[in-house]
Amino acid sequence: MPMFGFDEQYAYYGVTPVDNQFILEYLPNATGDAVRVYLYGLMQCYHPQQAMDIAQMARELSLSEDAILTAYRHWERKGLVRRIADNPPAFRYVSIKQLTMTGGAVPVDHEYEAFASAVYGLFGNDRRLHGAEMSRCYEWVEEMGLPAEVVVYLIREMIAQHGKNVAIKTIEKRAAMLAEEEVKTVEDAEIVLTRDKAVWDGSRAVIRRFGKRRAPSEDEQAMYRTWHVDWGFSQEDILAACAETVKGEPTFAYLGGILSRLRAQQKTAGVEAVLREEKDAAAPLKALLKVMKLQNVTINEGTLAVYADMRALYPDNIILMAGKECAKRGADFEGVMTTLKAWKRNGLESADDVTHYMKQVDDMNDFLLMLYEVLGVSVKPNAADRRLAKKWLENYGYDMGFVTQCAAWAIGKEKPMLYLDTVLGRFHEKGISTVEAAMQERENHQQTLAKQPVQTAPARGPKVVEQQNYTQREYAHTEDAMDAMMRKWQEENGDA
């Protein structure tokens, strides 16, 4: 044990002398971390701790061990610190006064000096780097493992691209990219940076296409790099895709969504032709939605696929005709396909066929509406009723006036259209085609019914007591003459 020593708390309450020469000449050009490391180590020189090592120092200063060693390499280059051991690292501080008074030579790091001289030469008199900036550049050599000549080449290219005021932080990102790709020669760096320049030029061209005048951000360049390098889109194809961004606010994210969709479809080349083809495919669908006034239906892969199925049935002009018919009847987008399938089942092939058929439908609907009014029912014309009306008018050969007159006998029936169909069917069997003949047939049938005896069915009543034993009257069920005629026809012909 030494005869003299400081109390354990002396270091906490004491002071550490720092030369003003250090503050004036060395501190301004050093990084903050380097100054922290130097001062903390200086305190340890005056008040050493037995357990102090690089790991402990890193914990005390909230720095990484690599940051501690980087700081001491900086002070070694300045001659203020000598490294006397490597495992574990040990350092000796050199007195600044002693160096000044004795004229002691400061050890020179020739590699660092050559590097600094080359970098200073790139900026010339237009910009003088601070010592901290130069130390940071040299960290790319020491920490990232890049050769010094590669870093010098990188700085030269970044100055050519961004000017001499380029931020060291911006250059550092490119340095990290070169390190990640394990670039070891200037030739390899040239390949990578040429590709990176294409990213810069391309992303700037996109911004110009958006109508803006500014430099692309790092994030925008990263997105462009993904499109160009990873996905394989050429600059020409990327700029062609910009045309699609006019539908909204043009942004890199919007453009990225378009390119992502094309990539998923494996259409990474010839984008202009691909987009033109998509527009050609979407134009008929757009026209269909416009004529139907369907603002809630968007043009996407799903609706384009449905339209492709429609095209398998009919050409665009007939699809548009179906859209117009659906619009008149308030049908939705799916109703167009239903209409087209119905036309196909009816054997319609041309636009003339459709026009003639729809005129028939419209005429038949007008007739049915008039007929419904006579029958006192409130329904919309439907295919089943149109088939009945077509049978009466075309197959039976009846005119609309005759059918309308006969419809009076179906008023109030549960199913008036089917009732009328039975009446007209019976008239057709007997060759009746005039109102007079139909009325005579009805009158003859009523007379026949009047001559028939009334048939009553025995009824089971409740138990009758003597006081209620009075003569009961017999009531015959009276029915409308046409009802009776219909019942008889049904008995003769079944349920037809």
Protein backbone atom coordinates (compact mmCIF):
# COMPACT_ATOMS: atom_id res chain seq x y z
CA MET A 1 0.00 0.00 0.00
CA PRO A 2 1.42 3.48 -0.93
CA MET A 3 2.17 5.84 1.93
CA PHE A 4 -0.04 8.61 0.48
CA GLY A 5 -3.26 8.70 -1.55
CA PHE A 6 -6.54 10.50 -2.15
CA ASP A 7 -9.75 9.76 -0.34
CA GLU A 8 -12.24 7.73 -2.43
CA GLN A 9 -14.54 10.78 -2.79
CA TYR A 10 -11.70 13.16 -3.69
CA ALA A 11 -12.17 12.73 -7.40
CA TYR A 12 -15.86 13.65 -7.15
CA TYR A 13 -15.19 16.87 -5.23
CA GLY A 14 -11.83 17.71 -6.77
CA VAL A 15 -10.91 19.27 -10.12
CA THR A 16 -9.15 18.12 -13.30
CA PRO A 17 -6.80 20.67 -14.86
CA VAL A 18 -7.28 21.23 -18.58
CA ASP A 19 -4.80 23.32 -20.57
CA ASN A 20 -6.26 26.35 -22.30
CA GLN A 21 -4.15 25.36 -25.31
CA PHE A 22 -6.24 22.19 -25.59
CA ILE A 23 -9.42 24.23 -25.45
CA LEU A 24 -8.23 26.77 -28.01
CA GLU A 25 -6.35 24.59 -30.51
CA TYR A 26 -7.66 21.04 -30.24
CA LEU A 27 -11.25 21.19 -28.99
CA PRO A 28 -12.77 23.25 -31.89
CA ASN A 29 -11.80 20.65 -34.49
CA ALA A 30 -12.81 17.57 -32.51
CA THR A 31 -16.15 15.84 -32.29
CA GLY A 32 -18.18 16.10 -29.11
CA ASP A 33 -17.64 12.40 -28.36
CA ALA A 34 -13.90 12.76 -28.85
CA VAL A 35 -13.78 15.67 -26.35
CA ARG A 36 -15.87 13.72 -23.82
CA VAL A 37 -13.57 10.73 -24.07
CA TYR A 38 -10.42 12.88 -23.75
CA LEU A 39 -11.65 14.75 -20.67
CA TYR A 40 -12.95 11.63 -18.94
CA GLY A 41 -9.64 9.84 -19.55
CA LEU A 42 -7.76 12.90 -18.32
CA MET A 43 -9.73 12.76 -15.07
CA GLN A 44 -8.86 9.07 -14.74
CA CYS A 45 -5.19 9.99 -15.08
CA TYR A 46 -5.49 12.24 -11.99
CA HIS A 47 -7.89 9.96 -10.12
CA PRO A 48 -7.48 6.41 -11.47
CA GLN A 49 -10.00 3.66 -10.76
CA GLN A 50 -8.64 0.14 -10.44
CA ALA A 51 -11.59 -1.42 -12.33
CA MET A 52 -11.59 1.07 -15.19
CA ASP A 53 -11.44 -0.42 -18.70
CA ILE A 54 -12.94 0.32 -22.12
CA ALA A 55 -16.24 -1.42 -21.26
CA GLN A 56 -16.60 0.50 -17.99
CA MET A 57 -15.73 3.78 -19.69
CA ALA A 58 -18.33 3.12 -22.40
CA ARG A 59 -20.99 2.58 -19.75
CA GLU A 60 -20.02 5.72 -17.85
CA LEU A 61 -20.18 7.89 -20.99
CA SER A 62 -23.15 6.10 -22.61
CA LEU A 63 -21.06 5.40 -25.70
CA SER A 64 -20.14 2.23 -27.55
CA GLU A 65 -16.71 0.70 -27.11
CA ASP A 66 -16.03 1.38 -30.78
CA ALA A 67 -16.80 5.06 -30.24
CA ILE A 68 -14.26 5.14 -27.37
CA LEU A 69 -11.54 3.58 -29.52
CA THR A 70 -12.37 5.88 -32.46
CA ALA A 71 -11.97 8.91 -30.20
CA TYR A 72 -8.58 7.74 -28.97
CA ARG A 73 -7.39 7.13 -32.54
CA HIS A 74 -8.24 10.77 -33.21
CA TRP A 75 -6.14 11.96 -30.24
CA GLU A 76 -3.33 9.62 -31.25
CA ARG A 77 -3.21 11.36 -34.61
CA LYS A 78 -3.01 14.69 -32.79
CA GLY A 79 -0.13 13.45 -30.61
CA LEU A 80 -1.99 14.00 -27.32
CA VAL A 81 -2.33 10.30 -26.53
CA ARG A 82 -0.06 7.27 -27.00
CA ARG A 83 -1.38 3.74 -27.12
CA ILE A 84 0.93 1.49 -25.09
CA ALA A 85 -1.06 -1.75 -25.14
CA ASP A 86 -3.71 -3.39 -27.31
CA ASN A 87 -5.19 -6.19 -25.20
CA PRO A 88 -6.58 -4.70 -23.11
CA PRO A 89 -6.14 -1.22 -24.59
CA ALA A 90 -4.04 1.18 -22.49
CA PHE A 91 -3.21 4.81 -23.18
CA ARG A 92 -0.82 7.47 -21.88
CA TYR A 93 -1.71 11.15 -22.05
CA VAL A 94 1.02 13.47 -23.35
CA SER A 95 1.48 16.91 -21.78
CA ILE A 96 0.61 19.66 -24.23
CA LYS A 97 2.97 22.10 -22.42
CA GLN A 98 5.82 19.63 -22.59
CA LEU A 99 5.31 19.18 -26.31
CA THR A 100 5.32 22.95 -26.80
CA MET A 101 8.26 23.78 -24.51
CA THR A 102 10.58 20.97 -25.54
CA GLY A 103 9.61 21.09 -29.18
CA GLY A 104 8.91 17.40 -29.07
CA ALA A 105 7.83 16.01 -32.38
CA VAL A 106 4.21 14.98 -32.55
CA PRO A 107 3.80 11.50 -34.06
CA VAL A 108 2.38 11.86 -37.52
CA ASP A 109 -0.26 9.50 -38.98
CA HIS A 110 0.93 9.61 -42.56
CA GLU A 111 -2.12 7.76 -43.94
CA TYR A 112 -4.48 10.17 -42.22
CA GLU A 113 -2.49 13.20 -43.35
CA ALA A 114 -2.51 11.97 -46.96
CA PHE A 115 -6.25 11.33 -46.74
CA ALA A 116 -6.96 14.75 -45.22
CA SER A 117 -4.80 16.48 -47.82
CA ALA A 118 -6.69 14.75 -50.65
CA VAL A 119 -10.10 15.64 -49.19
CA TYR A 120 -9.14 19.26 -48.50
CA GLY A 121 -7.97 19.49 -52.10
CA LEU A 122 -11.42 18.40 -53.37
CA PHE A 123 -13.14 21.31 -51.62
CA GLY A 124 -10.35 23.85 -52.26
CA ASN A 125 -10.87 27.36 -50.95
CA ASP A 126 -14.67 27.18 -51.42
CA ARG A 127 -15.20 25.19 -48.25
CA ARG A 128 -12.90 24.42 -45.36
CA LEU A 129 -13.90 21.28 -43.47
CA HIS A 130 -13.86 21.34 -39.69
CA GLY A 131 -11.67 18.84 -37.92
CA ALA A 132 -14.76 16.98 -36.74
CA GLU A 133 -15.97 16.66 -40.35
CA MET A 134 -12.60 15.36 -41.49
CA SER A 135 -12.47 12.88 -38.62
CA ARG A 136 -15.94 11.69 -39.55
CA CYS A 137 -14.86 11.11 -43.14
CA TYR A 138 -11.87 9.11 -41.96
CA GLU A 139 -14.15 6.96 -39.80
CA TRP A 140 -15.53 5.54 -43.05
CA VAL A 141 -12.04 4.15 -43.60
CA GLU A 142 -11.49 2.94 -40.05
CA GLU A 143 -14.99 1.91 -39.07
CA MET A 144 -16.66 0.88 -42.35
CA GLY A 145 -13.55 -0.72 -43.81
CA LEU A 146 -13.58 1.30 -47.03
CA PRO A 147 -10.20 1.96 -48.67
CA ALA A 148 -9.11 5.60 -48.37
CA GLU A 149 -8.97 5.99 -52.15
CA VAL A 150 -12.58 4.77 -52.42
CA VAL A 151 -13.74 7.36 -49.88
CA VAL A 152 -11.86 10.13 -51.74
CA TYR A 153 -13.47 9.00 -55.01
CA LEU A 154 -16.90 8.96 -53.34
CA ILE A 155 -16.47 12.52 -52.01
CA ARG A 156 -15.35 13.71 -55.46
CA GLU A 157 -18.44 12.20 -57.13
CA MET A 158 -20.80 13.61 -54.50
CA ILE A 159 -19.31 17.08 -54.97
CA ALA A 160 -19.78 16.76 -58.73
CA GLN A 161 -23.39 15.71 -58.20
CA HIS A 162 -24.48 18.00 -55.35
CA GLY A 163 -21.88 20.78 -55.21
CA LYS A 164 -19.27 21.58 -52.59
CA ASN A 165 -21.88 22.32 -49.95
CA VAL A 166 -23.05 18.72 -49.93
CA ALA A 167 -23.77 17.56 -46.38
CA ILE A 168 -21.31 15.11 -44.85
CA LYS A 169 -24.37 13.17 -43.66
CA THR A 170 -25.49 12.73 -47.28
CA ILE A 171 -22.06 11.43 -48.31
CA GLU A 172 -22.03 9.10 -45.31
CA LYS A 173 -25.20 7.36 -46.52
CA ARG A 174 -23.48 6.59 -49.82
CA ALA A 175 -20.42 5.41 -47.95
CA ALA A 176 -22.58 3.03 -45.91
CA MET A 177 -24.07 1.71 -49.16
CA LEU A 178 -20.59 1.05 -50.59
CA ALA A 179 -19.56 -0.69 -47.39
CA GLU A 180 -22.69 -2.82 -47.44
CA GLU A 181 -21.82 -3.96 -50.96
CA GLU A 182 -18.23 -4.63 -49.79
CA VAL A 183 -16.66 -2.29 -52.32
CA LYS A 184 -12.86 -2.57 -52.19
CA THR A 185 -11.69 -0.79 -55.34
CA VAL A 186 -12.36 2.48 -57.09
CA GLU A 187 -13.56 0.52 -60.12
CA ASP A 188 -16.21 -1.24 -58.04
CA ALA A 189 -17.21 2.08 -56.50
CA GLU A 190 -17.56 3.61 -59.94
CA ILE A 191 -20.00 0.87 -60.96
CA VAL A 192 -22.11 1.34 -57.83
CA LEU A 193 -22.05 5.15 -57.95
CA THR A 194 -22.88 5.20 -61.66
CA ARG A 195 -25.93 3.18 -60.84
CA ASP A 196 -26.62 5.52 -57.93
CA LYS A 197 -26.27 8.55 -60.20
CA ALA A 198 -28.90 7.00 -62.44
CA VAL A 199 -31.13 6.82 -59.37
CA TRP A 200 -30.49 10.50 -58.62
CA ASP A 201 -31.11 11.59 -62.21
CA GLY A 202 -34.18 9.39 -62.51
CA SER A 203 -35.79 10.48 -59.26
CA ARG A 204 -35.12 14.10 -60.16
CA ALA A 205 -36.74 13.50 -63.58
CA VAL A 206 -39.83 12.11 -61.83
CA ILE A 207 -40.09 15.24 -59.69
CA ARG A 208 -39.80 17.37 -62.83
CA ARG A 209 -42.59 15.30 -64.40
CA PHE A 210 -44.69 16.09 -61.33
CA GLY A 211 -44.21 19.78 -62.14
CA LYS A 212 -41.96 20.52 -59.15
CA ARG A 213 -38.53 22.13 -58.94
CA ARG A 214 -36.55 20.68 -56.09
CA ALA A 215 -34.02 17.97 -55.31
CA PRO A 216 -35.32 14.47 -54.52
CA SER A 217 -35.25 13.44 -50.88
CA GLU A 218 -33.35 10.42 -49.63
CA ASP A 219 -36.60 8.51 -49.19
CA GLU A 220 -37.68 9.33 -52.75
CA GLN A 221 -34.32 8.17 -54.08
CA ALA A 222 -34.67 4.96 -52.08
CA MET A 223 -38.08 4.34 -53.68
CA TYR A 224 -36.72 5.04 -57.14
CA ARG A 225 -33.79 2.69 -56.46
CA THR A 226 -36.28 -0.06 -55.62
CA TRP A 227 -38.19 0.50 -58.86
CA HIS A 228 -35.10 0.80 -61.05
CA VAL A 229 -32.58 -1.57 -59.46
CA ASP A 230 -34.68 -4.16 -57.63
CA TRP A 231 -37.79 -4.32 -59.83
CA GLY A 232 -36.06 -3.68 -63.16
CA PHE A 233 -38.09 -0.73 -64.50
CA SER A 234 -36.18 1.54 -66.87
CA GLN A 235 -36.29 5.31 -66.42
CA GLU A 236 -38.37 5.55 -69.58
CA ASP A 237 -40.95 3.13 -68.21
CA ILE A 238 -41.05 4.86 -64.82
CA LEU A 239 -41.66 8.22 -66.45
CA ALA A 240 -44.35 6.67 -68.66
CA ALA A 241 -46.14 5.47 -65.53
CA CYS A 242 -46.17 9.07 -64.24
CA ALA A 243 -48.99 9.75 -66.71
CA GLU A 244 -51.31 7.68 -64.51
CA THR A 245 -50.71 9.93 -61.48
CA VAL A 246 -52.75 12.76 -63.01
CA LYS A 247 -55.87 11.13 -61.55
CA GLY A 248 -54.86 12.41 -58.11
CA GLU A 249 -52.07 14.26 -56.31
CA PRO A 250 -48.85 13.05 -57.99
CA THR A 251 -46.50 11.59 -55.38
CA PHE A 252 -43.79 8.94 -55.27
CA ALA A 253 -46.12 6.77 -53.17
CA TYR A 254 -48.88 7.04 -55.81
CA LEU A 255 -46.40 6.21 -58.57
CA GLY A 256 -45.06 3.32 -56.50
CA GLY A 257 -48.54 1.81 -56.27
CA ILE A 258 -48.91 1.90 -60.06
CA LEU A 259 -45.50 0.29 -60.61
CA SER A 260 -46.20 -2.31 -57.93
CA ARG A 261 -49.39 -3.33 -59.75
CA LEU A 262 -47.55 -3.60 -63.06
CA ARG A 263 -44.81 -5.65 -61.41
CA ALA A 264 -47.39 -8.04 -59.94
CA GLN A 265 -48.71 -8.49 -63.49
CA GLN A 266 -45.12 -9.11 -64.70
CA LYS A 267 -45.31 -6.06 -66.96
CA THR A 268 -42.07 -4.26 -66.11
CA ALA A 269 -41.16 -3.36 -69.70
CA GLY A 270 -42.97 -1.37 -72.36
CA VAL A 271 -45.06 0.40 -69.72
CA GLU A 272 -46.36 3.04 -72.11
CA ALA A 273 -47.82 0.39 -74.41
CA VAL A 274 -49.18 -1.57 -71.45
CA LEU A 275 -50.96 1.48 -70.04
CA ARG A 276 -52.29 2.39 -73.49
CA GLU A 277 -53.67 -1.14 -73.83
CA GLU A 278 -55.27 -0.85 -70.39
CA LYS A 279 -56.90 2.43 -71.38
CA ASP A 280 -58.20 0.86 -74.57
CA ALA A 281 -59.65 -1.99 -72.53
CA ALA A 282 -61.16 0.36 -69.97
CA ALA A 283 -62.68 2.82 -72.47
CA PRO A 284 -65.77 0.71 -73.35
CA LEU A 285 -66.37 -0.05 -69.67
CA LYS A 286 -66.05 3.64 -68.88
CA ALA A 287 -68.62 4.41 -71.58
CA LEU A 288 -70.97 1.77 -70.15
CA LEU A 289 -70.74 3.18 -66.62
CA LYS A 290 -71.27 6.69 -67.97
CA VAL A 291 -74.46 5.80 -69.88
CA MET A 292 -75.76 3.99 -66.77
CA LYS A 293 -74.72 6.92 -64.51
CA LEU A 294 -73.12 4.50 -62.04
CA GLN A 295 -70.74 6.72 -60.12
CA ASN A 296 -70.26 4.20 -57.31
CA VAL A 297 -68.76 1.55 -59.63
CA THR A 298 -65.01 1.92 -60.22
CA ILE A 299 -62.86 0.60 -63.04
CA ASN A 300 -60.59 -2.06 -61.56
CA GLU A 301 -59.46 -5.59 -62.24
CA GLY A 302 -62.78 -7.00 -61.01
CA THR A 303 -65.06 -4.85 -63.16
CA LEU A 304 -62.74 -5.25 -66.17
CA ALA A 305 -63.00 -9.03 -65.74
CA VAL A 306 -66.81 -8.81 -65.67
CA TYR A 307 -66.74 -6.68 -68.81
CA ALA A 308 -64.49 -9.27 -70.47
CA ASP A 309 -67.19 -11.88 -69.75
CA MET A 310 -69.75 -9.55 -71.35
CA ARG A 311 -67.54 -9.28 -74.41
CA ALA A 312 -67.57 -13.06 -74.68
CA LEU A 313 -71.32 -12.74 -75.37
CA TYR A 314 -71.60 -9.57 -77.44
CA PRO A 315 -69.52 -6.74 -78.93
CA ASP A 316 -69.21 -3.34 -77.25
CA ASN A 317 -72.08 -1.67 -79.11
CA ILE A 318 -74.62 -4.27 -77.99
CA ILE A 319 -73.26 -4.18 -74.42
CA LEU A 320 -73.85 -0.43 -74.48
CA MET A 321 -77.43 -1.04 -75.66
CA ALA A 322 -77.95 -3.38 -72.72
CA GLY A 323 -76.59 -0.68 -70.41
CA LYS A 324 -79.09 1.85 -71.75
CA GLU A 325 -81.98 -0.58 -71.24
CA CYS A 326 -80.82 -1.32 -67.69
CA ALA A 327 -80.53 2.40 -66.98
CA LYS A 328 -84.16 2.91 -68.10
CA ARG A 329 -85.33 0.18 -65.74
CA GLY A 330 -83.08 1.20 -62.81
CA ALA A 331 -81.00 -2.00 -62.96
CA ASP A 332 -77.44 -2.13 -61.58
CA PHE A 333 -74.13 -3.13 -63.19
CA GLU A 334 -74.81 -6.84 -62.70
CA GLY A 335 -78.12 -6.41 -64.50
CA VAL A 336 -76.26 -5.79 -67.74
CA MET A 337 -74.89 -9.34 -67.74
CA THR A 338 -78.37 -10.70 -66.92
CA THR A 339 -79.82 -8.77 -69.85
CA LEU A 340 -77.14 -9.96 -72.25
CA LYS A 341 -77.70 -13.58 -71.26
CA ALA A 342 -81.45 -13.17 -71.80
CA TRP A 343 -80.84 -11.73 -75.27
CA LYS A 344 -78.54 -14.63 -76.09
CA ARG A 345 -81.20 -17.13 -74.97
CA ASN A 346 -83.69 -15.39 -77.28
CA GLY A 347 -81.31 -15.82 -80.21
CA LEU A 348 -80.50 -12.16 -80.68
CA GLU A 349 -77.25 -11.73 -82.61
CA SER A 350 -77.08 -8.25 -84.11
CA ALA A 351 -77.89 -4.73 -83.04
CA ASP A 352 -80.89 -4.80 -85.38
CA ASP A 353 -82.14 -7.95 -83.65
CA VAL A 354 -81.83 -6.24 -80.29
CA THR A 355 -83.55 -3.07 -81.52
CA HIS A 356 -86.47 -5.04 -82.96
CA TYR A 357 -86.73 -7.21 -79.86
CA MET A 358 -86.65 -4.28 -77.46
CA LYS A 359 -89.34 -2.48 -79.49
CA GLN A 360 -91.50 -5.56 -79.12
CA VAL A 361 -90.78 -5.63 -75.39
CA ASP A 362 -91.64 -1.96 -75.02
CA ASP A 363 -94.86 -2.38 -77.00
CA MET A 364 -95.78 -5.44 -74.97
CA ASN A 365 -95.06 -3.59 -71.73
CA ASP A 366 -97.29 -0.72 -72.81
CA PHE A 367 -100.08 -3.19 -73.55
CA LEU A 368 -99.61 -4.96 -70.20
CA LEU A 369 -99.76 -1.66 -68.32
CA MET A 370 -103.08 -0.91 -70.00
CA LEU A 371 -104.28 -4.44 -69.19
CA TYR A 372 -103.20 -4.14 -65.53
CA GLU A 373 -105.21 -0.93 -65.28
CA VAL A 374 -108.32 -2.76 -66.49
CA LEU A 375 -107.69 -5.61 -64.06
CA GLY A 376 -107.14 -3.16 -61.22
CA VAL A 377 -103.72 -4.51 -60.27
CA SER A 378 -100.53 -2.52 -59.63
CA VAL A 379 -97.52 -4.51 -60.82
CA LYS A 380 -94.66 -4.00 -63.23
CA PRO A 381 -94.58 -5.84 -66.56
CA ASN A 382 -92.58 -9.03 -66.28
CA ALA A 383 -91.32 -11.75 -68.57
CA ALA A 384 -94.02 -14.27 -67.56
CA ASP A 385 -96.85 -11.87 -68.40
CA ARG A 386 -95.14 -10.88 -71.63
CA ARG A 387 -95.07 -14.54 -72.63
CA LEU A 388 -98.83 -14.84 -71.95
CA ALA A 389 -99.58 -11.67 -73.91
CA LYS A 390 -97.39 -12.86 -76.80
CA LYS A 391 -99.35 -16.14 -76.88
CA TRP A 392 -102.69 -14.34 -77.00
CA LEU A 393 -101.66 -11.81 -79.63
CA GLU A 394 -99.36 -13.87 -81.84
CA ASN A 395 -100.31 -17.53 -81.36
CA TYR A 396 -104.06 -17.05 -80.93
CA GLY A 397 -104.16 -14.07 -83.26
CA TYR A 398 -106.31 -11.95 -80.98
CA ASP A 399 -106.12 -8.19 -81.15
CA MET A 400 -105.51 -6.04 -78.10
CA GLY A 401 -109.09 -4.77 -78.04
CA PHE A 402 -110.53 -8.28 -77.81
CA VAL A 403 -108.14 -9.26 -74.99
CA THR A 404 -108.92 -6.05 -73.11
CA GLN A 405 -112.69 -6.68 -73.38
CA CYS A 406 -112.28 -10.23 -72.09
CA ALA A 407 -110.10 -8.97 -69.23
CA ALA A 408 -113.22 -7.47 -67.61
CA TRP A 409 -114.32 -10.98 -66.66
CA ALA A 410 -111.05 -11.55 -64.70
CA ILE A 411 -111.43 -8.51 -62.48
CA GLY A 412 -111.22 -9.41 -58.79
CA LYS A 413 -109.84 -12.90 -59.38
CA GLU A 414 -106.98 -14.13 -57.23
CA LYS A 415 -104.72 -14.62 -60.25
CA PRO A 416 -106.32 -12.49 -62.93
CA MET A 417 -103.72 -13.05 -65.64
CA LEU A 418 -103.91 -16.84 -65.34
CA TYR A 419 -107.71 -16.64 -65.20
CA LEU A 420 -107.74 -14.56 -68.37
CA ASP A 421 -105.34 -17.01 -70.00
CA THR A 422 -107.79 -19.86 -69.32
CA VAL A 423 -110.73 -17.87 -70.73
CA LEU A 424 -108.86 -16.94 -73.90
CA GLY A 425 -107.58 -20.48 -74.28
CA ARG A 426 -111.16 -21.83 -74.21
CA PHE A 427 -112.31 -19.21 -76.72
CA HIS A 428 -109.39 -20.14 -78.97
CA GLU A 429 -110.41 -23.83 -78.81
CA LYS A 430 -113.94 -22.91 -79.95
CA GLY A 431 -112.74 -20.53 -82.64
CA ILE A 432 -114.18 -17.50 -80.92
CA SER A 433 -112.40 -14.31 -81.99
CA THR A 434 -114.93 -11.49 -81.65
CA VAL A 435 -116.36 -9.75 -78.64
CA GLU A 436 -119.91 -10.54 -79.77
CA ALA A 437 -119.16 -14.27 -80.07
CA ALA A 438 -117.45 -14.27 -76.67
CA MET A 439 -120.43 -12.57 -75.02
CA GLN A 440 -122.83 -15.00 -76.73
CA GLU A 441 -120.75 -17.92 -75.47
CA ARG A 442 -120.88 -16.51 -71.98
CA GLU A 443 -124.69 -16.01 -72.20
CA ASN A 444 -125.25 -19.53 -73.55
CA HIS A 445 -123.23 -20.96 -70.74
CA GLN A 446 -125.22 -19.01 -68.16
CA GLN A 447 -128.46 -20.40 -69.59
CA THR A 448 -127.05 -23.90 -69.43
CA LEU A 449 -126.16 -23.41 -65.80
CA ALA A 450 -129.66 -22.08 -65.03
CA LYS A 451 -131.31 -25.28 -66.36
CA GLN A 452 -129.16 -27.55 -64.23
CA PRO A 453 -130.69 -28.67 -60.90
CA VAL A 454 -129.13 -27.16 -57.85
CA GLN A 455 -127.06 -29.74 -56.04
CA THR A 456 -126.72 -29.43 -52.30
CA ALA A 457 -124.50 -31.45 -50.07
CA PRO A 458 -125.87 -32.72 -46.77
CA ALA A 459 -124.54 -30.62 -43.99
CA ARG A 460 -123.68 -31.73 -40.54
CA GLY A 461 -125.08 -29.38 -37.99
CA PRO A 462 -125.00 -29.17 -34.27
CA LYS A 463 -127.30 -31.24 -32.08
CA VAL A 464 -130.87 -29.87 -32.34
CA VAL A 465 -133.07 -29.74 -29.25
CA GLU A 466 -136.84 -29.88 -29.45
CA GLN A 467 -137.19 -26.12 -29.00
CA GLN A 468 -135.04 -25.59 -32.10
CA ASN A 469 -136.81 -28.16 -34.26
CA TYR A 470 -138.08 -25.82 -36.95
CA THR A 471 -137.99 -26.19 -40.68
CA GLN A 472 -134.59 -25.29 -42.12
CA ARG A 473 -134.38 -23.44 -45.47
CA GLU A 474 -132.14 -24.82 -48.14
CA TYR A 475 -129.61 -22.39 -49.66
CA ALA A 476 -127.85 -23.11 -52.93
CA HIS A 477 -124.34 -21.79 -53.48
CA THR A 478 -124.63 -19.15 -56.16
CA GLU A 479 -121.61 -18.59 -58.38
CA ASP A 480 -120.73 -16.25 -61.13
CA ALA A 481 -121.56 -17.62 -64.55
CA MET A 482 -117.99 -17.18 -65.72
CA ASP A 483 -116.75 -18.92 -62.56
CA ALA A 484 -118.97 -21.85 -63.36
CA MET A 485 -117.79 -21.91 -66.95
CA MET A 486 -114.19 -21.86 -65.78
CA ARG A 487 -114.86 -24.67 -63.30
CA LYS A 488 -116.43 -26.80 -66.00
CA TRP A 489 -113.58 -26.18 -68.41
CA GLN A 490 -111.09 -27.14 -65.73
CA GLU A 491 -113.00 -30.35 -65.01
CA GLU A 492 -112.93 -31.18 -68.71
CA ASN A 493 -109.35 -30.19 -69.36
CA GLY A 494 -107.68 -30.72 -66.02
CA ASP A 495 -105.63 -27.84 -64.56
CA ALA A 496 -104.57 -26.41 -67.94
